[in-house]
């Protein structure tokens, strides 16, 4: 296995992680920002008010995009397993 193949494998793995994590992270960022603005304008400083909407939004996004995310992860894993014999050489 050459250095180029290892680099390609790592790049594909990092790309897959970013692809899978970014929808949930972006959702949590947007919801957190909206809740923080609402808390600042109303002077309500309740900690659960920031946590619960983020969890609900992440679960909704996971429910909507979970099938596609699982399919992408499955395809990547199958591709990795198919490359194992080539890696052993």
PDB file of N, CA and C in Angstrom:
ATOM      1  N   UNK A   1       0.856  -1.171   0.000  1.00  0.00           N
ATOM      2  CA  UNK A   1       0.000   0.000   0.000  1.00  0.00           C
ATOM      3  C   UNK A   1       0.901   1.233   0.000  1.00  0.00           C
ATOM      4  N   UNK A   2       0.673   2.068  -0.963  1.00  0.00           N
ATOM      5  CA  UNK A   2       1.530   3.237  -1.109  1.00  0.00           C
ATOM      6  C   UNK A   2       1.022   4.395  -0.258  1.00  0.00           C
ATOM      7  N   UNK A   3       1.864   5.399  -0.166  1.00  0.00           N
ATOM      8  CA  UNK A   3       1.497   6.590   0.605  1.00  0.00           C
ATOM      9  C   UNK A   3       0.300   7.303  -0.019  1.00  0.00           C
ATOM     10  N   UNK A   4       0.214   7.291  -1.329  1.00  0.00           N
ATOM     11  CA  UNK A   4      -0.919   7.919  -2.013  1.00  0.00           C
ATOM     12  C   UNK A   4      -2.236   7.224  -1.702  1.00  0.00           C
ATOM     13  N   UNK A   5      -2.199   5.901  -1.613  1.00  0.00           N
ATOM     14  CA  UNK A   5      -3.417   5.164  -1.282  1.00  0.00           C
ATOM     15  C   UNK A   5      -3.851   5.439   0.152  1.00  0.00           C
ATOM     16  N   UNK A   6      -2.888   5.503   1.067  1.00  0.00           N
ATOM     17  CA  UNK A   6      -3.211   5.807   2.466  1.00  0.00           C
ATOM     18  C   UNK A   6      -3.808   7.206   2.578  1.00  0.00           C
ATOM     19  N   UNK A   7      -3.202   8.152   1.874  1.00  0.00           N
ATOM     20  CA  UNK A   7      -3.709   9.521   1.888  1.00  0.00           C
ATOM     21  C   UNK A   7      -5.124   9.588   1.319  1.00  0.00           C
ATOM     22  N   UNK A   8      -5.354   8.876   0.236  1.00  0.00           N
ATOM     23  CA  UNK A   8      -6.688   8.841  -0.374  1.00  0.00           C
ATOM     24  C   UNK A   8      -7.707   8.235   0.578  1.00  0.00           C
ATOM     25  N   UNK A   9      -7.314   7.171   1.266  1.00  0.00           N
ATOM     26  CA  UNK A   9      -8.201   6.519   2.226  1.00  0.00           C
ATOM     27  C   UNK A   9      -8.552   7.450   3.385  1.00  0.00           C
ATOM     28  N   UNK A  10      -7.558   8.158   3.895  1.00  0.00           N
ATOM     29  CA  UNK A  10      -7.806   9.102   4.992  1.00  0.00           C
ATOM     30  C   UNK A  10      -8.668  10.275   4.542  1.00  0.00           C
ATOM     31  N   UNK A  11      -8.424  10.778   3.346  1.00  0.00           N
ATOM     32  CA  UNK A  11      -9.236  11.879   2.834  1.00  0.00           C
ATOM     33  C   UNK A  11     -10.693  11.461   2.671  1.00  0.00           C
ATOM     34  N   UNK A  12     -10.910  10.263   2.158  1.00  0.00           N
ATOM     35  CA  UNK A  12     -12.278   9.775   1.993  1.00  0.00           C
ATOM     36  C   UNK A  12     -12.960   9.607   3.347  1.00  0.00           C
ATOM     37  N   UNK A  13     -12.226   9.122   4.348  1.00  0.00           N
ATOM     38  CA  UNK A  13     -12.794   8.962   5.684  1.00  0.00           C
ATOM     39  C   UNK A  13     -13.157  10.293   6.317  1.00  0.00           C
ATOM     40  N   UNK A  14     -12.268  11.267   6.186  1.00  0.00           N
ATOM     41  CA  UNK A  14     -12.535  12.598   6.746  1.00  0.00           C
ATOM     42  C   UNK A  14     -13.710  13.245   6.021  1.00  0.00           C
ATOM     43  N   UNK A  15     -13.774  13.079   4.708  1.00  0.00           N
ATOM     44  CA  UNK A  15     -14.886  13.636   3.929  1.00  0.00           C
ATOM     45  C   UNK A  15     -16.213  13.011   4.363  1.00  0.00           C
ATOM     46  N   UNK A  16     -16.189  11.712   4.641  1.00  0.00           N
ATOM     47  CA  UNK A  16     -17.406  11.018   5.071  1.00  0.00           C
ATOM     48  C   UNK A  16     -17.859  11.509   6.445  1.00  0.00           C
ATOM     49  N   UNK A  17     -16.915  11.687   7.355  1.00  0.00           N
ATOM     50  CA  UNK A  17     -17.253  12.179   8.696  1.00  0.00           C
ATOM     51  C   UNK A  17     -17.844  13.580   8.623  1.00  0.00           C
ATOM     52  N   UNK A  18     -17.247  14.438   7.819  1.00  0.00           N
ATOM     53  CA  UNK A  18     -17.759  15.804   7.676  1.00  0.00           C
ATOM     54  C   UNK A  18     -19.154  15.784   7.057  1.00  0.00           C
ATOM     55  N   UNK A  19     -19.342  14.938   6.043  1.00  0.00           N
ATOM     56  CA  UNK A  19     -20.639  14.835   5.386  1.00  0.00           C
ATOM     57  C   UNK A  19     -21.720  14.351   6.352  1.00  0.00           C
ATOM     58  N   UNK A  20     -21.369  13.409   7.224  1.00  0.00           N
ATOM     59  CA  UNK A  20     -22.365  12.857   8.147  1.00  0.00           C
ATOM     60  C   UNK A  20     -22.643  13.780   9.337  1.00  0.00           C
ATOM     61  N   UNK A  21     -21.643  14.506   9.798  1.00  0.00           N
ATOM     62  CA  UNK A  21     -21.808  15.322  11.004  1.00  0.00           C
ATOM     63  C   UNK A  21     -22.325  16.734  10.722  1.00  0.00           C
ATOM     64  N   UNK A  22     -22.054  17.259   9.540  1.00  0.00           N
ATOM     65  CA  UNK A  22     -22.376  18.662   9.279  1.00  0.00           C
ATOM     66  C   UNK A  22     -23.863  19.021   9.368  1.00  0.00           C
ATOM     67  N   UNK A  23     -24.802  18.204   8.905  1.00  0.00           N
ATOM     68  CA  UNK A  23     -26.210  18.630   9.044  1.00  0.00           C
ATOM     69  C   UNK A  23     -26.633  18.808  10.505  1.00  0.00           C
ATOM     70  N   UNK A  24     -26.203  17.899  11.369  1.00  0.00           N
ATOM     71  CA  UNK A  24     -26.601  18.005  12.775  1.00  0.00           C
ATOM     72  C   UNK A  24     -25.882  19.150  13.474  1.00  0.00           C
ATOM     73  N   UNK A  25     -24.602  19.336  13.160  1.00  0.00           N
ATOM     74  CA  UNK A  25     -23.864  20.442  13.775  1.00  0.00           C
ATOM     75  C   UNK A  25     -24.409  21.795  13.327  1.00  0.00           C
ATOM     76  N   UNK A  26     -24.717  21.922  12.049  1.00  0.00           N
ATOM     77  CA  UNK A  26     -25.271  23.176  11.543  1.00  0.00           C
ATOM     78  C   UNK A  26     -26.635  23.459  12.158  1.00  0.00           C
ATOM     79  N   UNK A  27     -27.444  22.422  12.296  1.00  0.00           N
ATOM     80  CA  UNK A  27     -28.758  22.585  12.917  1.00  0.00           C
ATOM     81  C   UNK A  27     -28.628  23.035  14.363  1.00  0.00           C
ATOM     82  N   UNK A  28     -27.727  22.402  15.105  1.00  0.00           N
ATOM     83  CA  UNK A  28     -27.516  22.791  16.504  1.00  0.00           C
ATOM     84  C   UNK A  28     -27.002  24.225  16.599  1.00  0.00           C
ATOM     85  N   UNK A  29     -26.155  24.617  15.663  1.00  0.00           N
ATOM     86  CA  UNK A  29     -25.635  25.984  15.656  1.00  0.00           C
ATOM     87  C   UNK A  29     -26.746  26.999  15.419  1.00  0.00           C
ATOM     88  N   UNK A  30     -27.583  26.746  14.434  1.00  0.00           N
ATOM     89  CA  UNK A  30     -28.663  27.686  14.103  1.00  0.00           C
ATOM     90  C   UNK A  30     -29.682  27.758  15.235  1.00  0.00           C
ATOM     91  N   UNK A  31     -30.091  26.609  15.753  1.00  0.00           N
ATOM     92  CA  UNK A  31     -31.073  26.597  16.842  1.00  0.00           C
ATOM     93  C   UNK A  31     -30.490  27.267  18.088  1.00  0.00           C
ATOM     94  N   UNK A  32     -29.239  26.981  18.392  1.00  0.00           N
ATOM     95  CA  UNK A  32     -28.597  27.611  19.544  1.00  0.00           C
ATOM     96  C   UNK A  32     -28.516  29.117  19.401  1.00  0.00           C
ATOM     97  N   UNK A  33     -28.225  29.587  18.185  1.00  0.00           N
ATOM     98  CA  UNK A  33     -28.155  31.028  17.949  1.00  0.00           C
ATOM     99  C   UNK A  33     -29.522  31.682  18.099  1.00  0.00           C
ATOM    100  N   UNK A  34     -30.545  31.051  17.557  1.00  0.00           N
ATOM    101  CA  UNK A  34     -31.904  31.605  17.674  1.00  0.00           C
ATOM    102  C   UNK A  34     -32.340  31.646  19.136  1.00  0.00           C
ATOM    103  N   UNK A  35     -32.092  30.573  19.866  1.00  0.00           N
ATOM    104  CA  UNK A  35     -32.483  30.534  21.280  1.00  0.00           C
ATOM    105  C   UNK A  35     -31.678  31.550  22.086  1.00  0.00           C
ATOM    106  N   UNK A  36     -30.408  31.715  21.777  1.00  0.00           N
ATOM    107  CA  UNK A  36     -29.586  32.701  22.494  1.00  0.00           C
ATOM    108  C   UNK A  36     -30.093  34.119  22.249  1.00  0.00           C
ATOM    109  N   UNK A  37     -30.503  34.402  21.028  1.00  0.00           N
ATOM    110  CA  UNK A  37     -31.053  35.728  20.725  1.00  0.00           C
ATOM    111  C   UNK A  37     -32.360  35.940  21.473  1.00  0.00           C
ATOM    112  N   UNK A  38     -33.217  34.911  21.496  1.00  0.00           N
ATOM    113  CA  UNK A  38     -34.468  35.031  22.248  1.00  0.00           C
ATOM    114  C   UNK A  38     -34.207  35.204  23.742  1.00  0.00           C
ATOM    115  N   UNK A  39     -33.226  34.485  24.272  1.00  0.00           N
ATOM    116  CA  UNK A  39     -32.907  34.639  25.699  1.00  0.00           C
ATOM    117  C   UNK A  39     -32.350  36.021  26.001  1.00  0.00           C
ATOM    118  N   UNK A  40     -31.547  36.540  25.108  1.00  0.00           N
ATOM    119  CA  UNK A  40     -30.977  37.871  25.337  1.00  0.00           C
ATOM    120  C   UNK A  40     -32.046  38.960  25.278  1.00  0.00           C
ATOM    121  N   UNK A  41     -33.014  38.793  24.393  1.00  0.00           N
ATOM    122  CA  UNK A  41     -34.043  39.829  24.270  1.00  0.00           C
ATOM    123  C   UNK A  41     -35.070  39.752  25.396  1.00  0.00           C
ATOM    124  N   UNK A  42     -35.296  38.553  25.932  1.00  0.00           N
ATOM    125  CA  UNK A  42     -36.306  38.420  26.985  1.00  0.00           C
ATOM    126  C   UNK A  42     -35.707  38.313  28.378  1.00  0.00           C
ATOM    127  N   UNK A  43     -34.393  38.275  28.488  1.00  0.00           N
ATOM    128  CA  UNK A  43     -33.681  38.168  29.768  1.00  0.00           C
ATOM    129  C   UNK A  43     -34.036  36.893  30.536  1.00  0.00           C
ATOM    130  N   UNK A  44     -34.360  35.843  29.813  1.00  0.00           N
ATOM    131  CA  UNK A  44     -34.602  34.539  30.439  1.00  0.00           C
ATOM    132  C   UNK A  44     -33.308  33.748  30.356  1.00  0.00           C
ATOM    133  N   UNK A  45     -32.781  33.334  31.487  1.00  0.00           N
ATOM    134  CA  UNK A  45     -31.510  32.609  31.511  1.00  0.00           C
ATOM    135  C   UNK A  45     -31.722  31.193  32.040  1.00  0.00           C
ATOM    136  N   UNK A  46     -32.522  30.436  31.368  1.00  0.00           N
ATOM    137  CA  UNK A  46     -32.797  29.060  31.752  1.00  0.00           C
ATOM    138  C   UNK A  46     -31.940  28.129  30.900  1.00  0.00           C
ATOM    139  N   UNK A  47     -31.171  27.237  31.533  1.00  0.00           N
ATOM    140  CA  UNK A  47     -30.247  26.371  30.804  1.00  0.00           C
ATOM    141  C   UNK A  47     -30.971  25.323  29.965  1.00  0.00           C
ATOM    142  N   UNK A  48     -32.075  24.805  30.457  1.00  0.00           N
ATOM    143  CA  UNK A  48     -32.788  23.783  29.690  1.00  0.00           C
ATOM    144  C   UNK A  48     -33.423  24.374  28.442  1.00  0.00           C
ATOM    145  N   UNK A  49     -33.626  25.665  28.424  1.00  0.00           N
ATOM    146  CA  UNK A  49     -34.201  26.315  27.258  1.00  0.00           C
ATOM    147  C   UNK A  49     -33.253  26.248  26.067  1.00  0.00           C
ATOM    148  N   UNK A  50     -31.954  26.170  26.299  1.00  0.00           N
ATOM    149  CA  UNK A  50     -31.012  26.043  25.193  1.00  0.00           C
ATOM    150  C   UNK A  50     -30.799  24.586  24.799  1.00  0.00           C
ATOM    151  N   UNK A  51     -30.910  23.677  25.734  1.00  0.00           N
ATOM    152  CA  UNK A  51     -30.599  22.277  25.482  1.00  0.00           C
ATOM    153  C   UNK A  51     -31.724  21.536  24.766  1.00  0.00           C
ATOM    154  N   UNK A  52     -32.932  21.683  25.241  1.00  0.00           N
ATOM    155  CA  UNK A  52     -34.066  20.915  24.721  1.00  0.00           C
ATOM    156  C   UNK A  52     -34.355  21.216  23.246  1.00  0.00           C
ATOM    157  N   UNK A  53     -34.409  22.474  22.813  1.00  0.00           N
ATOM    158  CA  UNK A  53     -34.662  22.714  21.380  1.00  0.00           C
ATOM    159  C   UNK A  53     -33.563  22.155  20.474  1.00  0.00           C
ATOM    160  N   UNK A  54     -32.310  22.198  20.939  1.00  0.00           N
ATOM    161  CA  UNK A  54     -31.224  21.625  20.139  1.00  0.00           C
ATOM    162  C   UNK A  54     -31.401  20.127  19.969  1.00  0.00           C
ATOM    163  N   UNK A  55     -31.732  19.445  21.047  1.00  0.00           N
ATOM    164  CA  UNK A  55     -31.913  17.991  20.983  1.00  0.00           C
ATOM    165  C   UNK A  55     -33.080  17.641  20.064  1.00  0.00           C
ATOM    166  N   UNK A  56     -34.163  18.370  20.189  1.00  0.00           N
ATOM    167  CA  UNK A  56     -35.330  18.103  19.337  1.00  0.00           C
ATOM    168  C   UNK A  56     -34.999  18.360  17.869  1.00  0.00           C
ATOM    169  N   UNK A  57     -34.308  19.457  17.583  1.00  0.00           N
ATOM    170  CA  UNK A  57     -33.949  19.781  16.197  1.00  0.00           C
ATOM    171  C   UNK A  57     -32.995  18.738  15.621  1.00  0.00           C
ATOM    172  N   UNK A  58     -32.038  18.282  16.413  1.00  0.00           N
ATOM    173  CA  UNK A  58     -31.098  17.265  15.939  1.00  0.00           C
ATOM    174  C   UNK A  58     -31.823  15.953  15.673  1.00  0.00           C
ATOM    175  N   UNK A  59     -32.756  15.585  16.530  1.00  0.00           N
ATOM    176  CA  UNK A  59     -33.521  14.361  16.301  1.00  0.00           C
ATOM    177  C   UNK A  59     -34.385  14.457  15.048  1.00  0.00           C
ATOM    178  N   UNK A  60     -34.951  15.631  14.785  1.00  0.00           N
ATOM    179  CA  UNK A  60     -35.751  15.821  13.575  1.00  0.00           C
ATOM    180  C   UNK A  60     -34.872  15.688  12.330  1.00  0.00           C
ATOM    181  N   UNK A  61     -33.714  16.334  12.348  1.00  0.00           N
ATOM    182  CA  UNK A  61     -32.789  16.248  11.212  1.00  0.00           C
ATOM    183  C   UNK A  61     -32.311  14.816  11.025  1.00  0.00           C
ATOM    184  N   UNK A  62     -32.019  14.127  12.118  1.00  0.00           N
ATOM    185  CA  UNK A  62     -31.593  12.735  12.041  1.00  0.00           C
ATOM    186  C   UNK A  62     -32.705  11.859  11.474  1.00  0.00           C
ATOM    187  N   UNK A  63     -33.941  12.140  11.849  1.00  0.00           N
ATOM    188  CA  UNK A  63     -35.065  11.392  11.299  1.00  0.00           C
ATOM    189  C   UNK A  63     -35.265  11.648   9.818  1.00  0.00           C
ATOM    190  N   UNK A  64     -35.055  12.895   9.390  1.00  0.00           N
ATOM    191  CA  UNK A  64     -35.239  13.230   7.979  1.00  0.00           C
ATOM    192  C   UNK A  64     -34.089  12.739   7.106  1.00  0.00           C
ATOM    193  N   UNK A  65     -32.864  12.893   7.583  1.00  0.00           N
ATOM    194  CA  UNK A  65     -31.700  12.575   6.765  1.00  0.00           C
ATOM    195  C   UNK A  65     -31.011  11.275   7.158  1.00  0.00           C
ATOM    196  N   UNK A  66     -31.529  10.593   8.166  1.00  0.00           N
ATOM    197  CA  UNK A  66     -30.870   9.394   8.680  1.00  0.00           C
ATOM    198  C   UNK A  66     -30.734   8.284   7.658  1.00  0.00           C
ATOM    199  N   UNK A  67     -31.745   8.089   6.831  1.00  0.00           N
ATOM    200  CA  UNK A  67     -31.686   7.039   5.820  1.00  0.00           C
ATOM    201  C   UNK A  67     -30.571   7.270   4.811  1.00  0.00           C
ATOM    202  N   UNK A  68     -30.476   8.497   4.340  1.00  0.00           N
ATOM    203  CA  UNK A  68     -29.412   8.832   3.390  1.00  0.00           C
ATOM    204  C   UNK A  68     -28.035   8.769   4.024  1.00  0.00           C
ATOM    205  N   UNK A  69     -27.953   9.180   5.284  1.00  0.00           N
ATOM    206  CA  UNK A  69     -26.676   9.130   5.984  1.00  0.00           C
ATOM    207  C   UNK A  69     -26.234   7.686   6.201  1.00  0.00           C
ATOM    208  N   UNK A  70     -27.184   6.830   6.566  1.00  0.00           N
ATOM    209  CA  UNK A  70     -26.859   5.421   6.756  1.00  0.00           C
ATOM    210  C   UNK A  70     -26.438   4.782   5.442  1.00  0.00           C
ATOM    211  N   UNK A  71     -27.129   5.126   4.374  1.00  0.00           N
ATOM    212  CA  UNK A  71     -26.790   4.584   3.060  1.00  0.00           C
ATOM    213  C   UNK A  71     -25.379   4.999   2.643  1.00  0.00           C
ATOM    214  N   UNK A  72     -25.042   6.252   2.878  1.00  0.00           N
ATOM    215  CA  UNK A  72     -23.705   6.735   2.551  1.00  0.00           C
ATOM    216  C   UNK A  72     -22.638   6.029   3.377  1.00  0.00           C
ATOM    217  N   UNK A  73     -22.898   5.855   4.663  1.00  0.00           N
ATOM    218  CA  UNK A  73     -21.947   5.166   5.536  1.00  0.00           C
ATOM    219  C   UNK A  73     -21.825   3.697   5.153  1.00  0.00           C
ATOM    220  N   UNK A  74     -22.929   3.068   4.782  1.00  0.00           N
ATOM    221  CA  UNK A  74     -22.898   1.672   4.336  1.00  0.00           C
ATOM    222  C   UNK A  74     -22.063   1.525   3.070  1.00  0.00           C
ATOM    223  N   UNK A  75     -22.263   2.413   2.106  1.00  0.00           N
ATOM    224  CA  UNK A  75     -21.494   2.352   0.861  1.00  0.00           C
ATOM    225  C   UNK A  75     -20.003   2.544   1.120  1.00  0.00           C
ATOM    226  N   UNK A  76     -19.662   3.456   2.003  1.00  0.00           N
ATOM    227  CA  UNK A  76     -18.254   3.690   2.343  1.00  0.00           C
ATOM    228  C   UNK A  76     -17.651   2.466   3.022  1.00  0.00           C
ATOM    229  N   UNK A  77     -18.400   1.855   3.925  1.00  0.00           N
ATOM    230  CA  UNK A  77     -17.904   0.675   4.626  1.00  0.00           C
ATOM    231  C   UNK A  77     -17.729  -0.503   3.669  1.00  0.00           C
ATOM    232  N   UNK A  78     -18.664  -0.705   2.770  1.00  0.00           N
ATOM    233  CA  UNK A  78     -18.542  -1.776   1.775  1.00  0.00           C
ATOM    234  C   UNK A  78     -17.322  -1.532   0.895  1.00  0.00           C
ATOM    235  N   UNK A  79     -17.116  -0.287   0.508  1.00  0.00           N
ATOM    236  CA  UNK A  79     -15.946   0.062  -0.296  1.00  0.00           C
ATOM    237  C   UNK A  79     -14.649  -0.236   0.460  1.00  0.00           C
ATOM    238  N   UNK A  80     -14.621   0.066   1.742  1.00  0.00           N
ATOM    239  CA  UNK A  80     -13.436  -0.240   2.546  1.00  0.00           C
ATOM    240  C   UNK A  80     -13.182  -1.744   2.620  1.00  0.00           C
ATOM    241  N   UNK A  81     -14.234  -2.524   2.864  1.00  0.00           N
ATOM    242  CA  UNK A  81     -14.070  -3.970   2.950  1.00  0.00           C
ATOM    243  C   UNK A  81     -13.641  -4.574   1.617  1.00  0.00           C
ATOM    244  N   UNK A  82     -14.101  -3.996   0.512  1.00  0.00           N
ATOM    245  CA  UNK A  82     -13.680  -4.490  -0.796  1.00  0.00           C
ATOM    246  C   UNK A  82     -12.215  -4.190  -1.068  1.00  0.00           C
ATOM    247  N   UNK A  83     -11.670  -3.161  -0.431  1.00  0.00           N
ATOM    248  CA  UNK A  83     -10.271  -2.788  -0.643  1.00  0.00           C
ATOM    249  C   UNK A  83      -9.308  -3.539   0.274  1.00  0.00           C
ATOM    250  N   UNK A  84      -9.808  -4.315   1.220  1.00  0.00           N
ATOM    251  CA  UNK A  84      -8.934  -5.027   2.162  1.00  0.00           C
ATOM    252  C   UNK A  84      -7.958  -5.968   1.439  1.00  0.00           C
ATOM    253  N   UNK A  85      -8.390  -6.772   0.463  1.00  0.00           N
ATOM    254  CA  UNK A  85      -7.409  -7.642  -0.200  1.00  0.00           C
ATOM    255  C   UNK A  85      -6.300  -6.861  -0.907  1.00  0.00           C
ATOM    256  N   UNK A  86      -6.638  -5.705  -1.466  1.00  0.00           N
ATOM    257  CA  UNK A  86      -5.602  -4.879  -2.115  1.00  0.00           C
ATOM    258  C   UNK A  86      -4.639  -4.288  -1.099  1.00  0.00           C
ATOM    259  N   UNK A  87      -5.129  -4.015   0.113  1.00  0.00           N
ATOM    260  CA  UNK A  87      -4.279  -3.447   1.155  1.00  0.00           C
ATOM    261  C   UNK A  87      -3.286  -4.462   1.689  1.00  0.00           C
ATOM    262  N   UNK A  88      -3.650  -5.735   1.627  1.00  0.00           N
ATOM    263  CA  UNK A  88      -2.793  -6.786   2.175  1.00  0.00           C
ATOM    264  C   UNK A  88      -1.580  -7.058   1.289  1.00  0.00           C
ATOM    265  N   UNK A  89      -1.622  -6.665   0.052  1.00  0.00           N
ATOM    266  CA  UNK A  89      -0.504  -6.902  -0.876  1.00  0.00           C
ATOM    267  C   UNK A  89       0.645  -5.991  -0.637  1.00  0.00           C
TER     268      UNK A  89
END
